[in-house]
Amino acid sequence: MSQKMSFRLALAFIIMGTSLSVKSQDHPAGFTKIFDGKTMKGWDADPTFWRIENGTFVGEVTAAHIVKTNTFLIWKGGLPANFELIAQYRISPEGNSGVQYRSEEVKGIRYALKGYQADIDGANIYTGQNYEERGRGFLAMRGEKALLKTDQKPLIEGFVGNSDSLKSKIKNGDWNEIHIIAKGNHLQHFINGVLMSDATDEDTKARKFKGVLGFQVHVMPTMKVEYRNIYLKNLK
């Protein structure tokens, strides 16, 4: 083998090694992993509906275990205010779930939350929208840039894309990445790196600037949702 060829091979291995080391990073830069993949440490949920399998949180409703009210897997590590959250999810076709944030626990109903939610559903009718659980309801549908005012319906100031075109960026029955950015009163939901909804909350009665994080199992006859690789970054 010539010296020139040896140099090229060595250079190729260096490049490959660099690429692999970047891809195999334990977490994105600046983020902290908040699920160890093995235990419920730092989390709380009804074990009837939530479990851990193969490094993944699994939320499931079956005919043998019917859920009567939306139930949440709740992070007990703090009340994030300005933050970014990244997680991977996979959901059954009939499933309905979401990532709850800046929320609060509902008194008298264990494992129930109310507050902002980045919606997720298996049919991808609502995936990516901003919905307020036990509150104002639909805040920003997929594709919308919404302004929220006190005692008014959401004002649609513009669009971040066409709802159906954005839907095509979401994989059915496979793993997707959800990314939430909450900074001040500005709330953005991304799926697979694509902005799905954008809301600015100027409702001085209802808006929240910090609160609980959680993952939802919705009332359904049957459903299954999985979450893994959950990372949080606090913002100034």
C-alpha atoms as a PDB file:
ATOM      1  CA  MET A   1       0.000   0.000   0.000  1.00  0.00           C
ATOM      2  CA  SER A   2       1.387   3.411  -0.958  1.00  0.00           C
ATOM      3  CA  GLN A   3       2.035   6.103   1.659  1.00  0.00           C
ATOM      4  CA  LYS A   4      -0.543   8.276  -0.115  1.00  0.00           C
ATOM      5  CA  MET A   5      -3.222   5.576   0.198  1.00  0.00           C
ATOM      6  CA  SER A   6      -2.330   4.952   3.857  1.00  0.00           C
ATOM      7  CA  PHE A   7      -2.701   8.651   4.597  1.00  0.00           C
ATOM      8  CA  ARG A   8      -6.121   8.744   2.923  1.00  0.00           C
ATOM      9  CA  LEU A   9      -7.342   5.725   4.914  1.00  0.00           C
ATOM     10  CA  ALA A  10      -6.045   7.177   8.166  1.00  0.00           C
ATOM     11  CA  LEU A  11      -7.765  10.473   7.411  1.00  0.00           C
ATOM     12  CA  ALA A  12     -11.016   8.641   6.630  1.00  0.00           C
ATOM     13  CA  PHE A  13     -10.899   6.797   9.951  1.00  0.00           C
ATOM     14  CA  ILE A  14     -10.274  10.061  11.805  1.00  0.00           C
ATOM     15  CA  ILE A  15     -13.273  11.675  10.112  1.00  0.00           C
ATOM     16  CA  MET A  16     -15.444   8.626  10.819  1.00  0.00           C
ATOM     17  CA  GLY A  17     -14.344   8.561  14.432  1.00  0.00           C
ATOM     18  CA  THR A  18     -15.146  12.253  14.843  1.00  0.00           C
ATOM     19  CA  SER A  19     -18.567  11.771  13.288  1.00  0.00           C
ATOM     20  CA  LEU A  20     -19.350   8.783  15.472  1.00  0.00           C
ATOM     21  CA  SER A  21     -18.280  10.579  18.630  1.00  0.00           C
ATOM     22  CA  VAL A  22     -20.592  13.495  17.798  1.00  0.00           C
ATOM     23  CA  LYS A  23     -23.528  11.182  17.048  1.00  0.00           C
ATOM     24  CA  SER A  24     -23.004   9.149  20.204  1.00  0.00           C
ATOM     25  CA  GLN A  25     -22.949  12.125  22.588  1.00  0.00           C
ATOM     26  CA  ASP A  26     -24.889  11.336  25.743  1.00  0.00           C
ATOM     27  CA  HIS A  27     -26.953  14.505  25.444  1.00  0.00           C
ATOM     28  CA  PRO A  28     -27.243  17.651  23.322  1.00  0.00           C
ATOM     29  CA  ALA A  29     -24.911  20.489  24.295  1.00  0.00           C
ATOM     30  CA  GLY A  30     -26.208  22.448  27.279  1.00  0.00           C
ATOM     31  CA  PHE A  31     -28.945  19.938  28.090  1.00  0.00           C
ATOM     32  CA  THR A  32     -29.311  17.690  31.134  1.00  0.00           C
ATOM     33  CA  LYS A  33     -30.739  14.184  30.879  1.00  0.00           C
ATOM     34  CA  ILE A  34     -33.684  13.951  33.292  1.00  0.00           C
ATOM     35  CA  PHE A  35     -34.613  10.284  32.784  1.00  0.00           C
ATOM     36  CA  ASP A  36     -31.955   7.667  33.535  1.00  0.00           C
ATOM     37  CA  GLY A  37     -33.678   5.028  31.400  1.00  0.00           C
ATOM     38  CA  LYS A  38     -33.791   2.540  34.252  1.00  0.00           C
ATOM     39  CA  THR A  39     -35.720   3.845  37.244  1.00  0.00           C
ATOM     40  CA  MET A  40     -38.515   6.233  38.241  1.00  0.00           C
ATOM     41  CA  LYS A  41     -35.999   8.367  40.145  1.00  0.00           C
ATOM     42  CA  GLY A  42     -37.172  11.975  39.917  1.00  0.00           C
ATOM     43  CA  TRP A  43     -40.572  10.979  38.504  1.00  0.00           C
ATOM     44  CA  ASP A  44     -43.981  10.008  39.856  1.00  0.00           C
ATOM     45  CA  ALA A  45     -46.900   8.257  38.159  1.00  0.00           C
ATOM     46  CA  ASP A  46     -49.669   5.741  38.625  1.00  0.00           C
ATOM     47  CA  PRO A  47     -47.945   2.360  38.085  1.00  0.00           C
ATOM     48  CA  THR A  48     -51.205   0.976  36.714  1.00  0.00           C
ATOM     49  CA  PHE A  49     -50.623   3.019  33.563  1.00  0.00           C
ATOM     50  CA  TRP A  50     -46.908   3.854  33.517  1.00  0.00           C
ATOM     51  CA  ARG A  51     -43.863   1.568  33.481  1.00  0.00           C
ATOM     52  CA  ILE A  52     -40.292   1.408  32.177  1.00  0.00           C
ATOM     53  CA  GLU A  53     -39.242  -0.974  29.407  1.00  0.00           C
ATOM     54  CA  ASN A  54     -35.947  -1.050  27.490  1.00  0.00           C
ATOM     55  CA  GLY A  55     -34.913   2.440  28.592  1.00  0.00           C
ATOM     56  CA  THR A  56     -38.300   3.903  27.759  1.00  0.00           C
ATOM     57  CA  PHE A  57     -41.269   5.258  29.701  1.00  0.00           C
ATOM     58  CA  VAL A  58     -44.378   3.404  28.556  1.00  0.00           C
ATOM     59  CA  GLY A  59     -47.871   4.757  29.196  1.00  0.00           C
ATOM     60  CA  GLU A  60     -50.636   2.309  28.345  1.00  0.00           C
ATOM     61  CA  VAL A  61     -54.381   1.858  28.696  1.00  0.00           C
ATOM     62  CA  THR A  62     -55.836  -1.608  28.151  1.00  0.00           C
ATOM     63  CA  ALA A  63     -59.247  -3.238  28.430  1.00  0.00           C
ATOM     64  CA  ALA A  64     -58.111  -4.630  31.773  1.00  0.00           C
ATOM     65  CA  HIS A  65     -56.890  -1.263  33.045  1.00  0.00           C
ATOM     66  CA  ILE A  66     -59.214   1.568  32.059  1.00  0.00           C
ATOM     67  CA  VAL A  67     -58.248   5.130  32.936  1.00  0.00           C
ATOM     68  CA  LYS A  68     -61.082   7.342  34.176  1.00  0.00           C
ATOM     69  CA  THR A  69     -59.316  10.706  33.974  1.00  0.00           C
ATOM     70  CA  ASN A  70     -56.247  11.893  32.097  1.00  0.00           C
ATOM     71  CA  THR A  71     -53.236  10.695  34.070  1.00  0.00           C
ATOM     72  CA  PHE A  72     -49.689  12.032  33.977  1.00  0.00           C
ATOM     73  CA  LEU A  73     -46.134  10.935  34.495  1.00  0.00           C
ATOM     74  CA  ILE A  74     -44.837  13.903  36.520  1.00  0.00           C
ATOM     75  CA  TRP A  75     -41.253  15.153  36.809  1.00  0.00           C
ATOM     76  CA  LYS A  76     -40.391  16.043  40.398  1.00  0.00           C
ATOM     77  CA  GLY A  77     -37.081  17.756  39.676  1.00  0.00           C
ATOM     78  CA  GLY A  78     -38.307  21.346  39.720  1.00  0.00           C
ATOM     79  CA  LEU A  79     -40.631  23.907  38.189  1.00  0.00           C
ATOM     80  CA  PRO A  80     -39.005  24.975  34.905  1.00  0.00           C
ATOM     81  CA  ALA A  81     -39.657  28.550  33.827  1.00  0.00           C
ATOM     82  CA  ASN A  82     -37.610  29.472  30.753  1.00  0.00           C
ATOM     83  CA  PHE A  83     -36.378  26.245  29.192  1.00  0.00           C
ATOM     84  CA  GLU A  84     -35.998  23.912  26.251  1.00  0.00           C
ATOM     85  CA  LEU A  85     -37.207  20.334  26.457  1.00  0.00           C
ATOM     86  CA  ILE A  86     -36.309  17.609  23.978  1.00  0.00           C
ATOM     87  CA  ALA A  87     -37.727  14.073  23.994  1.00  0.00           C
ATOM     88  CA  GLN A  88     -38.410  11.238  21.588  1.00  0.00           C
ATOM     89  CA  TYR A  89     -41.875   9.714  21.476  1.00  0.00           C
ATOM     90  CA  ARG A  90     -43.771   6.942  19.729  1.00  0.00           C
ATOM     91  CA  ILE A  91     -47.551   6.568  19.919  1.00  0.00           C
ATOM     92  CA  SER A  92     -50.152   4.020  18.815  1.00  0.00           C
ATOM     93  CA  PRO A  93     -52.544   5.018  15.998  1.00  0.00           C
ATOM     94  CA  GLU A  94     -55.469   5.494  18.403  1.00  0.00           C
ATOM     95  CA  GLY A  95     -53.339   7.162  21.070  1.00  0.00           C
ATOM     96  CA  ASN A  96     -53.670  10.624  22.579  1.00  0.00           C
ATOM     97  CA  SER A  97     -50.919  12.168  24.681  1.00  0.00           C
ATOM     98  CA  GLY A  98     -48.885  15.322  25.128  1.00  0.00           C
ATOM     99  CA  VAL A  99     -46.122  17.054  27.032  1.00  0.00           C
ATOM    100  CA  GLN A 100     -47.385  19.185  29.868  1.00  0.00           C
ATOM    101  CA  TYR A 101     -45.328  22.213  30.997  1.00  0.00           C
ATOM    102  CA  ARG A 102     -45.621  25.293  33.229  1.00  0.00           C
ATOM    103  CA  SER A 103     -48.471  23.344  34.774  1.00  0.00           C
ATOM    104  CA  GLU A 104     -49.808  22.588  38.221  1.00  0.00           C
ATOM    105  CA  GLU A 105     -51.204  19.541  39.933  1.00  0.00           C
ATOM    106  CA  VAL A 106     -54.981  19.377  40.271  1.00  0.00           C
ATOM    107  CA  LYS A 107     -56.134  19.302  43.872  1.00  0.00           C
ATOM    108  CA  GLY A 108     -58.112  16.220  44.785  1.00  0.00           C
ATOM    109  CA  ILE A 109     -57.205  14.252  41.629  1.00  0.00           C
ATOM    110  CA  ARG A 110     -53.928  12.406  41.915  1.00  0.00           C
ATOM    111  CA  TYR A 111     -51.647  12.499  38.866  1.00  0.00           C
ATOM    112  CA  ALA A 112     -53.814  15.115  37.129  1.00  0.00           C
ATOM    113  CA  LEU A 113     -52.281  18.307  35.721  1.00  0.00           C
ATOM    114  CA  LYS A 114     -53.552  21.548  34.228  1.00  0.00           C
ATOM    115  CA  GLY A 115     -51.629  23.980  32.058  1.00  0.00           C
ATOM    116  CA  TYR A 116     -49.888  24.268  28.690  1.00  0.00           C
ATOM    117  CA  GLN A 117     -49.583  21.116  26.622  1.00  0.00           C
ATOM    118  CA  ALA A 118     -47.675  20.282  23.460  1.00  0.00           C
ATOM    119  CA  ASP A 119     -50.244  17.951  21.931  1.00  0.00           C
ATOM    120  CA  ILE A 120     -49.429  14.516  20.474  1.00  0.00           C
ATOM    121  CA  ASP A 121     -51.866  12.031  18.904  1.00  0.00           C
ATOM    122  CA  GLY A 122     -51.453   8.894  16.825  1.00  0.00           C
ATOM    123  CA  ALA A 123     -53.594  10.179  13.949  1.00  0.00           C
ATOM    124  CA  ASN A 124     -51.593  13.454  13.908  1.00  0.00           C
ATOM    125  CA  ILE A 125     -54.705  15.565  13.867  1.00  0.00           C
ATOM    126  CA  TYR A 126     -53.483  17.708  16.770  1.00  0.00           C
ATOM    127  CA  THR A 127     -49.783  16.874  17.054  1.00  0.00           C
ATOM    128  CA  GLY A 128     -47.700  20.017  17.512  1.00  0.00           C
ATOM    129  CA  GLN A 129     -50.481  22.342  18.614  1.00  0.00           C
ATOM    130  CA  ASN A 130     -50.624  24.239  21.910  1.00  0.00           C
ATOM    131  CA  TYR A 131     -53.535  23.192  24.105  1.00  0.00           C
ATOM    132  CA  GLU A 132     -54.241  24.227  27.686  1.00  0.00           C
ATOM    133  CA  GLU A 133     -55.338  21.211  29.736  1.00  0.00           C
ATOM    134  CA  ARG A 134     -58.230  22.055  32.094  1.00  0.00           C
ATOM    135  CA  GLY A 135     -57.977  25.674  30.990  1.00  0.00           C
ATOM    136  CA  ARG A 136     -58.502  27.770  27.880  1.00  0.00           C
ATOM    137  CA  GLY A 137     -58.408  24.831  25.483  1.00  0.00           C
ATOM    138  CA  PHE A 138     -56.962  25.341  21.996  1.00  0.00           C
ATOM    139  CA  LEU A 139     -54.368  28.134  22.055  1.00  0.00           C
ATOM    140  CA  ALA A 140     -52.482  27.667  18.780  1.00  0.00           C
ATOM    141  CA  MET A 141     -53.386  24.990  16.255  1.00  0.00           C
ATOM    142  CA  ARG A 142     -50.697  23.365  14.135  1.00  0.00           C
ATOM    143  CA  GLY A 143     -49.444  25.925  11.627  1.00  0.00           C
ATOM    144  CA  GLU A 144     -50.693  28.936  13.567  1.00  0.00           C
ATOM    145  CA  LYS A 145     -48.878  31.895  15.064  1.00  0.00           C
ATOM    146  CA  ALA A 146     -51.258  33.016  17.790  1.00  0.00           C
ATOM    147  CA  LEU A 147     -51.498  35.964  20.164  1.00  0.00           C
ATOM    148  CA  LEU A 148     -53.402  35.281  23.383  1.00  0.00           C
ATOM    149  CA  LYS A 149     -55.237  38.171  25.043  1.00  0.00           C
ATOM    150  CA  THR A 150     -57.235  38.277  28.264  1.00  0.00           C
ATOM    151  CA  ASP A 151     -60.852  37.146  27.861  1.00  0.00           C
ATOM    152  CA  GLN A 152     -60.515  36.792  24.088  1.00  0.00           C
ATOM    153  CA  LYS A 153     -60.246  33.940  21.625  1.00  0.00           C
ATOM    154  CA  PRO A 154     -56.728  33.395  20.218  1.00  0.00           C
ATOM    155  CA  LEU A 155     -55.821  36.008  17.607  1.00  0.00           C
ATOM    156  CA  ILE A 156     -54.170  34.403  14.590  1.00  0.00           C
ATOM    157  CA  GLU A 157     -51.412  36.811  13.565  1.00  0.00           C
ATOM    158  CA  GLY A 158     -49.908  34.591  10.909  1.00  0.00           C
ATOM    159  CA  PHE A 159     -48.843  31.076  10.051  1.00  0.00           C
ATOM    160  CA  VAL A 160     -45.676  29.031  10.478  1.00  0.00           C
ATOM    161  CA  GLY A 161     -46.812  26.661   7.754  1.00  0.00           C
ATOM    162  CA  ASN A 162     -49.719  24.744   6.284  1.00  0.00           C
ATOM    163  CA  SER A 163     -51.182  22.218   8.740  1.00  0.00           C
ATOM    164  CA  ASP A 164     -51.230  19.337   6.236  1.00  0.00           C
ATOM    165  CA  SER A 165     -47.706  20.073   4.991  1.00  0.00           C
ATOM    166  CA  LEU A 166     -46.440  20.167   8.564  1.00  0.00           C
ATOM    167  CA  LYS A 167     -48.257  16.899   9.262  1.00  0.00           C
ATOM    168  CA  SER A 168     -46.182  15.248   6.528  1.00  0.00           C
ATOM    169  CA  LYS A 169     -43.060  15.897   8.637  1.00  0.00           C
ATOM    170  CA  ILE A 170     -44.406  13.625  11.408  1.00  0.00           C
ATOM    171  CA  LYS A 171     -43.708   9.889  11.200  1.00  0.00           C
ATOM    172  CA  ASN A 172     -46.650   7.562  11.801  1.00  0.00           C
ATOM    173  CA  GLY A 173     -46.080   4.704  14.234  1.00  0.00           C
ATOM    174  CA  ASP A 174     -42.386   5.512  14.560  1.00  0.00           C
ATOM    175  CA  TRP A 175     -40.126   7.582  16.767  1.00  0.00           C
ATOM    176  CA  ASN A 176     -40.388  11.365  16.495  1.00  0.00           C
ATOM    177  CA  GLU A 177     -38.624  14.145  18.371  1.00  0.00           C
ATOM    178  CA  ILE A 178     -40.574  16.827  20.207  1.00  0.00           C
ATOM    179  CA  HIS A 179     -38.821  20.067  21.149  1.00  0.00           C
ATOM    180  CA  ILE A 180     -40.469  22.743  23.283  1.00  0.00           C
ATOM    181  CA  ILE A 181     -39.020  26.233  23.775  1.00  0.00           C
ATOM    182  CA  ALA A 182     -40.649  28.373  26.474  1.00  0.00           C
ATOM    183  CA  LYS A 183     -39.093  31.760  27.049  1.00  0.00           C
ATOM    184  CA  GLY A 184     -40.987  34.545  28.768  1.00  0.00           C
ATOM    185  CA  ASN A 185     -44.479  34.486  27.299  1.00  0.00           C
ATOM    186  CA  HIS A 186     -43.314  33.020  23.983  1.00  0.00           C
ATOM    187  CA  LEU A 187     -44.061  29.308  23.464  1.00  0.00           C
ATOM    188  CA  GLN A 188     -42.892  27.243  20.480  1.00  0.00           C
ATOM    189  CA  HIS A 189     -43.468  23.575  19.638  1.00  0.00           C
ATOM    190  CA  PHE A 190     -41.255  21.699  17.175  1.00  0.00           C
ATOM    191  CA  ILE A 191     -41.558  18.152  15.802  1.00  0.00           C
ATOM    192  CA  ASN A 192     -38.503  16.648  14.113  1.00  0.00           C
ATOM    193  CA  GLY A 193     -36.896  20.083  13.994  1.00  0.00           C
ATOM    194  CA  VAL A 194     -39.873  21.740  12.279  1.00  0.00           C
ATOM    195  CA  LEU A 195     -41.813  24.549  13.991  1.00  0.00           C
ATOM    196  CA  MET A 196     -45.428  23.408  14.373  1.00  0.00           C
ATOM    197  CA  SER A 197     -47.030  26.181  16.439  1.00  0.00           C
ATOM    198  CA  ASP A 198     -46.058  29.534  17.942  1.00  0.00           C
ATOM    199  CA  ALA A 199     -47.953  31.296  20.728  1.00  0.00           C
ATOM    200  CA  THR A 200     -47.369  34.552  22.581  1.00  0.00           C
ATOM    201  CA  ASP A 201     -49.384  34.651  25.790  1.00  0.00           C
ATOM    202  CA  GLU A 202     -50.462  38.134  26.887  1.00  0.00           C
ATOM    203  CA  ASP A 203     -53.407  36.839  28.927  1.00  0.00           C
ATOM    204  CA  THR A 204     -52.568  38.322  32.324  1.00  0.00           C
ATOM    205  CA  LYS A 205     -55.226  36.207  34.036  1.00  0.00           C
ATOM    206  CA  ALA A 206     -54.309  32.759  32.730  1.00  0.00           C
ATOM    207  CA  ARG A 207     -50.682  32.707  31.571  1.00  0.00           C
ATOM    208  CA  LYS A 208     -48.018  30.929  33.603  1.00  0.00           C
ATOM    209  CA  PHE A 209     -44.280  31.543  33.740  1.00  0.00           C
ATOM    210  CA  LYS A 210     -43.196  28.361  35.529  1.00  0.00           C
ATOM    211  CA  GLY A 211     -44.578  25.022  36.600  1.00  0.00           C
ATOM    212  CA  VAL A 212     -44.623  21.248  36.433  1.00  0.00           C
ATOM    213  CA  LEU A 213     -43.480  19.041  33.536  1.00  0.00           C
ATOM    214  CA  GLY A 214     -45.407  15.888  32.710  1.00  0.00           C
ATOM    215  CA  PHE A 215     -46.369  13.359  30.039  1.00  0.00           C
ATOM    216  CA  GLN A 216     -49.990  12.429  29.414  1.00  0.00           C
ATOM    217  CA  VAL A 217     -52.014   9.263  29.026  1.00  0.00           C
ATOM    218  CA  HIS A 218     -55.423  10.395  27.818  1.00  0.00           C
ATOM    219  CA  VAL A 219     -58.757   8.762  28.570  1.00  0.00           C
ATOM    220  CA  MET A 220     -59.149   6.202  25.757  1.00  0.00           C
ATOM    221  CA  PRO A 221     -60.501   2.635  25.457  1.00  0.00           C
ATOM    222  CA  THR A 222     -56.951   1.535  24.623  1.00  0.00           C
ATOM    223  CA  MET A 223     -53.719   3.370  23.767  1.00  0.00           C
ATOM    224  CA  LYS A 224     -49.963   3.249  24.157  1.00  0.00           C
ATOM    225  CA  VAL A 225     -47.340   5.982  24.176  1.00  0.00           C
ATOM    226  CA  GLU A 226     -43.583   5.793  24.757  1.00  0.00           C
ATOM    227  CA  TYR A 227     -41.058   8.475  25.729  1.00  0.00           C
ATOM    228  CA  ARG A 228     -37.278   8.228  25.848  1.00  0.00           C
ATOM    229  CA  ASN A 229     -34.133  10.378  25.689  1.00  0.00           C
ATOM    230  CA  ILE A 230     -35.622  13.228  27.710  1.00  0.00           C
ATOM    231  CA  TYR A 231     -33.420  16.319  28.049  1.00  0.00           C
ATOM    232  CA  LEU A 232     -33.925  19.699  29.685  1.00  0.00           C
ATOM    233  CA  LYS A 233     -32.006  22.974  29.357  1.00  0.00           C
ATOM    234  CA  ASN A 234     -32.808  25.939  31.583  1.00  0.00           C
ATOM    235  CA  LEU A 235     -32.639  29.309  29.858  1.00  0.00           C
ATOM    236  CA  LYS A 236     -31.873  32.682  31.408  1.00  0.00           C
END
